[in-house]
Structures are given as C-alpha cells and as structure tokens.
Amino acid sequence: MPKGYWIVRADVADQQKYNAYIAANAEPFRKYGARFLVRSGQFENPEGESRSRNVVIEFPSYQAALDCWKSPEYQQAIKLRQPVSKLDMVIIEGYEGAQP
C-alpha cells in the first residue's frame, strides 16, 4: 500500500501564536503515524512561486494522511493556525512503481 504525504508551503505572520498550532497538531500526528521528512530548512526556488517554509510529512498510507487532516483534533489545530499563517497544501498518494 502506498504511503501518503502532506506537501505544505507556508508563510507565518506570528511565530509565537503559530507555536500553539504546533503544540496542538502533535496529538493527531502521533495518532495517524506522521513523520516529518522536510520541516523548513534551507531551500532554493528555481521556478514558480514559493512561501517561506516548506514541509513534507509522511503517513503510513494515503488514507491515514486524509484521516489525520479530517480528524476533529487536527481541525481544532487548524483554527489556531489560520489567523496567523497562509499555506498551500496537497495530500498525495506515494508512488511505488518502476524507477528510472
């Protein structure tokens, strides 16, 4: 079964208030088996548009990635994030096919 991923690009206006979101998302992330592969860090943006932060979170399955986002716990965390940040997010199924 392919893994699931959240790919997130974010701008944060108030880090102190955003920290409340980080604390609140820890429980649903644990519950659904989330694992950070990318969490901010150095980057270049050679094409297109970007935001100041980039995050990739791996889940054991695509369904777990969806279930985490839809969970009541994460929906409560979103309420803490929305007033102090803007983001673009996709939830995507991993690829397990042939490689070059």
C-alpha atoms as a PDB file:
ATOM      1  CA  MET A   1       0.000   0.000   0.000  1.00  0.00           C
ATOM      2  CA  PRO A   2       1.495   3.392  -0.979  1.00  0.00           C
ATOM      3  CA  LYS A   3       2.292   5.869   1.741  1.00  0.00           C
ATOM      4  CA  GLY A   4       0.520   9.209   1.957  1.00  0.00           C
ATOM      5  CA  TYR A   5       2.107  12.643   2.120  1.00  0.00           C
ATOM      6  CA  TRP A   6       1.227  16.178   3.053  1.00  0.00           C
ATOM      7  CA  ILE A   7       3.156  18.692   0.996  1.00  0.00           C
ATOM      8  CA  VAL A   8       2.846  22.125   2.568  1.00  0.00           C
ATOM      9  CA  ARG A   9       4.194  25.579   1.737  1.00  0.00           C
ATOM     10  CA  ALA A  10       3.521  28.195   4.408  1.00  0.00           C
ATOM     11  CA  ASP A  11       4.092  31.798   5.449  1.00  0.00           C
ATOM     12  CA  VAL A  12       3.820  32.522   9.169  1.00  0.00           C
ATOM     13  CA  ALA A  13       2.994  36.038  10.379  1.00  0.00           C
ATOM     14  CA  ASP A  14       3.208  35.417  14.144  1.00  0.00           C
ATOM     15  CA  GLN A  15       5.544  32.637  15.276  1.00  0.00           C
ATOM     16  CA  GLN A  16       4.502  32.832  18.921  1.00  0.00           C
ATOM     17  CA  LYS A  17       0.836  32.195  18.094  1.00  0.00           C
ATOM     18  CA  TYR A  18       1.827  29.615  15.461  1.00  0.00           C
ATOM     19  CA  ASN A  19       3.586  27.663  18.222  1.00  0.00           C
ATOM     20  CA  ALA A  20       0.147  26.934  19.709  1.00  0.00           C
ATOM     21  CA  TYR A  21      -0.775  25.246  16.407  1.00  0.00           C
ATOM     22  CA  ILE A  22       2.443  23.200  16.507  1.00  0.00           C
ATOM     23  CA  ALA A  23       1.619  22.010  20.018  1.00  0.00           C
ATOM     24  CA  ALA A  24      -1.975  21.172  19.026  1.00  0.00           C
ATOM     25  CA  ASN A  25      -1.048  19.187  15.918  1.00  0.00           C
ATOM     26  CA  ALA A  26       1.296  16.841  17.810  1.00  0.00           C
ATOM     27  CA  GLU A  27      -1.504  14.553  19.029  1.00  0.00           C
ATOM     28  CA  PRO A  28      -3.189  13.924  15.661  1.00  0.00           C
ATOM     29  CA  PHE A  29       0.221  13.492  14.029  1.00  0.00           C
ATOM     30  CA  ARG A  30       1.112  10.796  16.597  1.00  0.00           C
ATOM     31  CA  LYS A  31      -2.300   9.175  16.258  1.00  0.00           C
ATOM     32  CA  TYR A  32      -2.028   8.847  12.465  1.00  0.00           C
ATOM     33  CA  GLY A  33       1.660   7.914  12.271  1.00  0.00           C
ATOM     34  CA  ALA A  34       3.001  11.166  10.796  1.00  0.00           C
ATOM     35  CA  ARG A  35       6.729  11.512  10.192  1.00  0.00           C
ATOM     36  CA  PHE A  36       8.399  14.758   9.125  1.00  0.00           C
ATOM     37  CA  LEU A  37      10.646  14.326   6.085  1.00  0.00           C
ATOM     38  CA  VAL A  38      11.088  18.056   5.488  1.00  0.00           C
ATOM     39  CA  ARG A  39      10.430  20.734   8.098  1.00  0.00           C
ATOM     40  CA  SER A  40      11.507  24.168   6.909  1.00  0.00           C
ATOM     41  CA  GLY A  41      15.251  24.221   6.323  1.00  0.00           C
ATOM     42  CA  GLN A  42      17.338  25.709   3.573  1.00  0.00           C
ATOM     43  CA  PHE A  43      15.854  25.744   0.067  1.00  0.00           C
ATOM     44  CA  GLU A  44      16.054  27.334  -3.356  1.00  0.00           C
ATOM     45  CA  ASN A  45      13.086  28.178  -5.559  1.00  0.00           C
ATOM     46  CA  PRO A  46      14.397  27.927  -9.133  1.00  0.00           C
ATOM     47  CA  GLU A  47      10.936  28.042 -10.752  1.00  0.00           C
ATOM     48  CA  GLY A  48       7.448  29.226  -9.897  1.00  0.00           C
ATOM     49  CA  GLU A  49       6.304  30.758  -6.645  1.00  0.00           C
ATOM     50  CA  SER A  50       7.127  29.733  -3.103  1.00  0.00           C
ATOM     51  CA  ARG A  51       6.418  30.527   0.508  1.00  0.00           C
ATOM     52  CA  SER A  52       8.925  30.955   3.319  1.00  0.00           C
ATOM     53  CA  ARG A  53       8.501  27.429   4.752  1.00  0.00           C
ATOM     54  CA  ASN A  54       8.212  24.018   3.159  1.00  0.00           C
ATOM     55  CA  VAL A  55       7.096  20.840   4.920  1.00  0.00           C
ATOM     56  CA  VAL A  56       6.694  17.239   3.765  1.00  0.00           C
ATOM     57  CA  ILE A  57       5.014  14.848   6.189  1.00  0.00           C
ATOM     58  CA  GLU A  58       4.860  11.113   5.518  1.00  0.00           C
ATOM     59  CA  PHE A  59       1.997   8.899   6.711  1.00  0.00           C
ATOM     60  CA  PRO A  60       1.817   5.091   6.650  1.00  0.00           C
ATOM     61  CA  SER A  61      -0.900   5.295   3.967  1.00  0.00           C
ATOM     62  CA  TYR A  62      -2.801   7.774   1.831  1.00  0.00           C
ATOM     63  CA  GLN A  63      -5.908   7.042   3.913  1.00  0.00           C
ATOM     64  CA  ALA A  64      -4.046   7.856   7.147  1.00  0.00           C
ATOM     65  CA  ALA A  65      -2.955  11.186   5.614  1.00  0.00           C
ATOM     66  CA  LEU A  66      -6.566  12.018   4.749  1.00  0.00           C
ATOM     67  CA  ASP A  67      -7.906  10.792   8.090  1.00  0.00           C
ATOM     68  CA  CYS A  68      -5.424  12.931  10.006  1.00  0.00           C
ATOM     69  CA  TRP A  69      -6.456  16.093   8.147  1.00  0.00           C
ATOM     70  CA  LYS A  70     -10.152  15.306   8.648  1.00  0.00           C
ATOM     71  CA  SER A  71      -9.789  14.355  12.329  1.00  0.00           C
ATOM     72  CA  PRO A  72     -11.509  16.510  14.951  1.00  0.00           C
ATOM     73  CA  GLU A  73      -8.147  17.021  16.672  1.00  0.00           C
ATOM     74  CA  TYR A  74      -6.478  18.419  13.572  1.00  0.00           C
ATOM     75  CA  GLN A  75      -9.498  20.535  12.662  1.00  0.00           C
ATOM     76  CA  GLN A  76      -9.152  22.187  16.095  1.00  0.00           C
ATOM     77  CA  ALA A  77      -5.444  22.801  15.430  1.00  0.00           C
ATOM     78  CA  ILE A  78      -6.286  24.458  12.105  1.00  0.00           C
ATOM     79  CA  LYS A  79      -8.302  27.087  13.978  1.00  0.00           C
ATOM     80  CA  LEU A  80      -5.095  28.127  15.768  1.00  0.00           C
ATOM     81  CA  ARG A  81      -3.079  28.266  12.534  1.00  0.00           C
ATOM     82  CA  GLN A  82      -5.430  30.100  10.188  1.00  0.00           C
ATOM     83  CA  PRO A  83      -5.343  33.571  11.799  1.00  0.00           C
ATOM     84  CA  VAL A  84      -1.526  33.703  11.774  1.00  0.00           C
ATOM     85  CA  SER A  85      -0.468  31.932   8.580  1.00  0.00           C
ATOM     86  CA  LYS A  86      -1.215  31.277   4.932  1.00  0.00           C
ATOM     87  CA  LEU A  87      -0.468  27.986   3.301  1.00  0.00           C
ATOM     88  CA  ASP A  88      -0.842  25.800   0.263  1.00  0.00           C
ATOM     89  CA  MET A  89      -1.276  22.091   0.926  1.00  0.00           C
ATOM     90  CA  VAL A  90      -1.797  18.910  -1.022  1.00  0.00           C
ATOM     91  CA  ILE A  91      -2.416  15.430   0.322  1.00  0.00           C
ATOM     92  CA  ILE A  92      -0.979  12.966  -2.143  1.00  0.00           C
ATOM     93  CA  GLU A  93      -0.512   9.230  -2.542  1.00  0.00           C
ATOM     94  CA  GLY A  94       3.067   7.986  -2.773  1.00  0.00           C
ATOM     95  CA  TYR A  95       4.456   6.248  -5.850  1.00  0.00           C
ATOM     96  CA  GLU A  96       5.620   2.649  -5.715  1.00  0.00           C
ATOM     97  CA  GLY A  97       6.129   1.968  -9.414  1.00  0.00           C
ATOM     98  CA  ALA A  98       9.204   1.498 -11.545  1.00  0.00           C
ATOM     99  CA  GLN A  99      12.080   3.937 -11.195  1.00  0.00           C
ATOM    100  CA  PRO A 100      14.431   5.124 -13.923  1.00  0.00           C
END
